[in-house]
N, C-alpha and C. Protein backbone atom coordinates (compact mmCIF):
# COMPACT_ATOMS: atom_id res chain seq x y z
N LEU A 1 144.25 58.67 146.37
CA LEU A 1 144.32 60.23 146.33
C LEU A 1 145.49 60.80 147.65
N LYS A 2 145.25 60.27 148.70
CA LYS A 2 146.33 60.36 149.91
C LYS A 2 147.44 60.27 149.77
N ALA A 3 148.14 59.50 149.01
CA ALA A 3 149.14 59.25 148.82
C ALA A 3 149.85 60.19 147.85
N GLY A 4 149.10 60.81 146.98
CA GLY A 4 150.00 61.87 146.06
C GLY A 4 149.08 63.29 146.62
N GLY A 5 148.57 63.18 147.70
CA GLY A 5 147.93 64.56 148.32
C GLY A 5 149.07 65.99 148.07
N VAL A 6 150.31 65.87 147.96
CA VAL A 6 150.94 67.12 148.34
C VAL A 6 152.07 67.06 147.28
N ALA A 7 152.15 68.13 146.44
CA ALA A 7 153.24 68.40 145.75
C ALA A 7 153.41 67.54 144.65
N LEU A 8 152.44 66.91 144.00
CA LEU A 8 152.17 66.24 143.06
C LEU A 8 151.91 67.13 141.69
N ASN A 9 152.42 67.35 140.60
CA ASN A 9 151.84 67.83 139.50
C ASN A 9 151.84 66.93 138.41
N LEU A 10 150.87 66.70 137.57
CA LEU A 10 150.47 65.68 136.62
C LEU A 10 150.17 66.56 135.11
N VAL A 11 151.17 67.28 134.73
CA VAL A 11 151.01 67.75 133.49
C VAL A 11 150.96 66.94 132.11
N ARG A 12 151.74 65.78 132.58
CA ARG A 12 151.76 64.71 131.21
C ARG A 12 150.36 63.98 131.13
N ALA A 13 149.39 64.08 132.37
CA ALA A 13 148.51 62.97 132.50
C ALA A 13 147.41 63.55 131.33
N ASN A 14 146.52 62.93 131.30
CA ASN A 14 145.24 63.42 130.54
C ASN A 14 144.04 62.73 130.90
N TYR A 15 144.23 61.72 131.52
CA TYR A 15 143.02 60.98 132.09
C TYR A 15 143.34 60.84 133.48
N ILE A 16 142.38 61.00 134.42
CA ILE A 16 142.35 60.57 135.65
C ILE A 16 141.32 59.85 136.13
N ILE A 17 141.68 58.49 136.82
CA ILE A 17 140.64 57.57 136.98
C ILE A 17 140.67 57.72 138.63
N LEU A 18 139.27 57.67 139.03
CA LEU A 18 139.09 57.63 140.63
C LEU A 18 138.15 56.56 140.73
N SER A 19 138.91 55.74 141.56
CA SER A 19 138.31 54.21 141.61
C SER A 19 138.05 53.94 143.11
N ASP A 20 138.24 54.89 144.07
CA ASP A 20 138.14 54.97 145.37
C ASP A 20 137.56 56.01 146.01
N PRO A 21 136.14 56.56 146.06
CA PRO A 21 135.91 57.77 146.17
C PRO A 21 136.03 58.23 148.00
N TRP A 22 136.55 59.49 148.20
CA TRP A 22 136.40 60.02 149.30
C TRP A 22 135.19 60.72 149.99
N TRP A 23 135.10 60.53 151.40
CA TRP A 23 133.95 61.27 151.92
C TRP A 23 133.79 62.86 151.82
N ASN A 24 135.11 63.67 151.29
CA ASN A 24 135.10 65.16 150.94
C ASN A 24 135.32 65.16 149.47
N PRO A 25 134.39 65.71 149.02
CA PRO A 25 134.45 65.96 147.53
C PRO A 25 135.66 67.00 147.01
N ALA A 26 136.00 67.79 147.78
CA ALA A 26 137.28 68.75 147.43
C ALA A 26 138.56 67.98 147.53
N ALA A 27 138.64 66.92 148.17
CA ALA A 27 139.90 66.04 148.00
C ALA A 27 140.01 65.22 146.60
N GLU A 28 138.90 64.85 145.89
CA GLU A 28 138.76 64.33 144.67
C GLU A 28 139.07 65.56 143.71
N LEU A 29 138.47 67.16 143.89
CA LEU A 29 138.31 68.02 142.82
C LEU A 29 139.95 68.21 143.14
N GLN A 30 140.55 68.26 144.18
CA GLN A 30 142.31 68.66 144.24
C GLN A 30 142.74 67.73 143.18
N ALA A 31 142.57 66.46 143.32
CA ALA A 31 143.19 65.45 142.55
C ALA A 31 143.31 65.77 141.16
N ILE A 32 142.29 65.88 140.74
CA ILE A 32 141.51 66.54 139.26
C ILE A 32 142.29 67.44 138.90
N ASP A 33 142.33 68.51 139.85
CA ASP A 33 142.84 69.83 139.61
C ASP A 33 144.55 69.34 139.31
N ARG A 34 145.10 68.56 139.98
CA ARG A 34 146.56 68.47 139.86
C ARG A 34 147.00 68.04 138.40
N THR A 35 145.81 67.60 137.49
CA THR A 35 146.38 67.73 135.79
C THR A 35 146.14 68.85 135.08
N HIS A 36 145.18 69.84 135.76
CA HIS A 36 145.08 71.26 135.28
C HIS A 36 146.06 72.08 135.53
N ARG A 37 147.51 72.17 135.30
CA ARG A 37 148.38 72.55 135.49
C ARG A 37 149.25 73.38 134.66
N LEU A 38 149.81 74.50 134.82
CA LEU A 38 150.53 75.24 133.84
C LEU A 38 151.43 74.39 132.83
N GLY A 39 151.53 74.18 131.75
CA GLY A 39 151.97 73.35 130.63
C GLY A 39 151.11 72.30 130.45
N GLN A 40 150.05 72.21 130.73
CA GLN A 40 149.09 70.87 130.33
C GLN A 40 148.40 71.48 129.08
N THR A 41 148.38 70.90 127.84
CA THR A 41 148.23 70.99 126.56
C THR A 41 146.94 70.30 126.03
N ARG A 42 146.64 69.25 126.62
CA ARG A 42 145.74 68.08 126.54
C ARG A 42 144.74 68.65 127.25
N VAL A 43 143.14 67.81 126.65
CA VAL A 43 141.91 67.84 127.11
C VAL A 43 142.25 66.79 128.44
N ILE A 44 141.69 67.19 129.49
CA ILE A 44 141.80 66.33 130.42
C ILE A 44 140.30 65.76 130.68
N LYS A 45 140.32 64.36 131.13
CA LYS A 45 139.24 63.39 131.32
C LYS A 45 139.19 62.79 132.71
N ALA A 46 138.24 62.79 133.47
CA ALA A 46 138.32 62.24 134.64
C ALA A 46 136.95 61.39 134.73
N ILE A 47 137.79 59.97 135.12
CA ILE A 47 136.69 59.03 134.98
C ILE A 47 136.56 58.49 136.25
N ARG A 48 135.25 58.25 136.50
CA ARG A 48 134.99 57.93 138.10
C ARG A 48 134.28 56.07 138.27
N LEU A 49 135.16 55.48 138.83
CA LEU A 49 134.59 54.41 138.43
C LEU A 49 133.28 53.56 139.74
N VAL A 50 132.45 53.42 139.61
CA VAL A 50 131.67 53.59 140.68
C VAL A 50 130.31 52.36 140.43
N ALA A 51 130.34 50.95 140.87
CA ALA A 51 129.37 50.07 140.62
C ALA A 51 127.91 50.58 141.42
N LYS A 52 126.79 49.93 140.89
CA LYS A 52 125.41 50.25 141.62
C LYS A 52 125.33 49.44 142.85
N ASN A 53 124.83 50.21 143.80
CA ASN A 53 124.55 49.35 145.09
C ASN A 53 125.56 49.13 145.94
N THR A 54 126.39 49.94 145.92
CA THR A 54 127.64 49.92 146.69
C THR A 54 128.05 50.99 147.79
N VAL A 55 129.10 50.98 148.46
CA VAL A 55 129.40 51.50 149.30
C VAL A 55 129.86 53.05 148.73
N GLU A 56 130.73 52.50 147.65
CA GLU A 56 130.86 53.73 146.90
C GLU A 56 129.93 54.98 146.43
N GLU A 57 128.89 54.01 145.81
CA GLU A 57 127.81 54.81 145.16
C GLU A 57 127.09 55.75 146.45
N ARG A 58 126.82 55.18 147.59
CA ARG A 58 126.28 55.73 148.83
C ARG A 58 127.33 57.24 149.26
N ILE A 59 128.60 56.85 148.94
CA ILE A 59 129.45 58.10 149.32
C ILE A 59 129.59 59.09 148.33
N LEU A 60 128.87 58.90 146.91
CA LEU A 60 128.88 59.76 146.10
C LEU A 60 127.65 60.57 146.44
N ASP A 61 126.55 59.88 146.69
CA ASP A 61 125.44 60.61 147.18
C ASP A 61 125.45 61.68 148.36
N LEU A 62 126.75 61.12 149.30
CA LEU A 62 127.04 62.24 150.26
C LEU A 62 127.85 63.30 149.85
N GLN A 63 128.55 62.96 149.17
CA GLN A 63 129.01 63.69 148.34
C GLN A 63 128.49 65.34 147.91
N GLU A 64 127.30 64.84 147.03
CA GLU A 64 126.58 65.89 146.41
C GLU A 64 125.74 66.42 147.46
N LYS A 65 125.65 65.89 148.56
CA LYS A 65 124.94 66.67 149.47
C LYS A 65 125.37 67.63 149.93
N LYS A 66 126.76 67.15 150.42
CA LYS A 66 127.85 68.18 150.84
C LYS A 66 128.02 69.25 149.81
N ARG A 67 127.69 69.38 148.96
CA ARG A 67 128.08 70.35 147.57
C ARG A 67 127.06 71.42 147.50
N LEU A 68 125.75 71.09 148.46
CA LEU A 68 124.55 71.97 148.30
C LEU A 68 124.63 72.93 149.30
């Protein structure tokens, strides 16, 4: 997410795969929103890869708490 965090439009993409969750849920939402740009004609599918009982699963729990 960090490498493509500025001035990146992905109107040709219709899948976004998140394999490394960030502590800040807004950063992930911004990455997903980069596919929802003017000119996008396809349905966007965001896929989050998270294994059970991992640090990534804990990060997702913390993200959920931040949203509340």
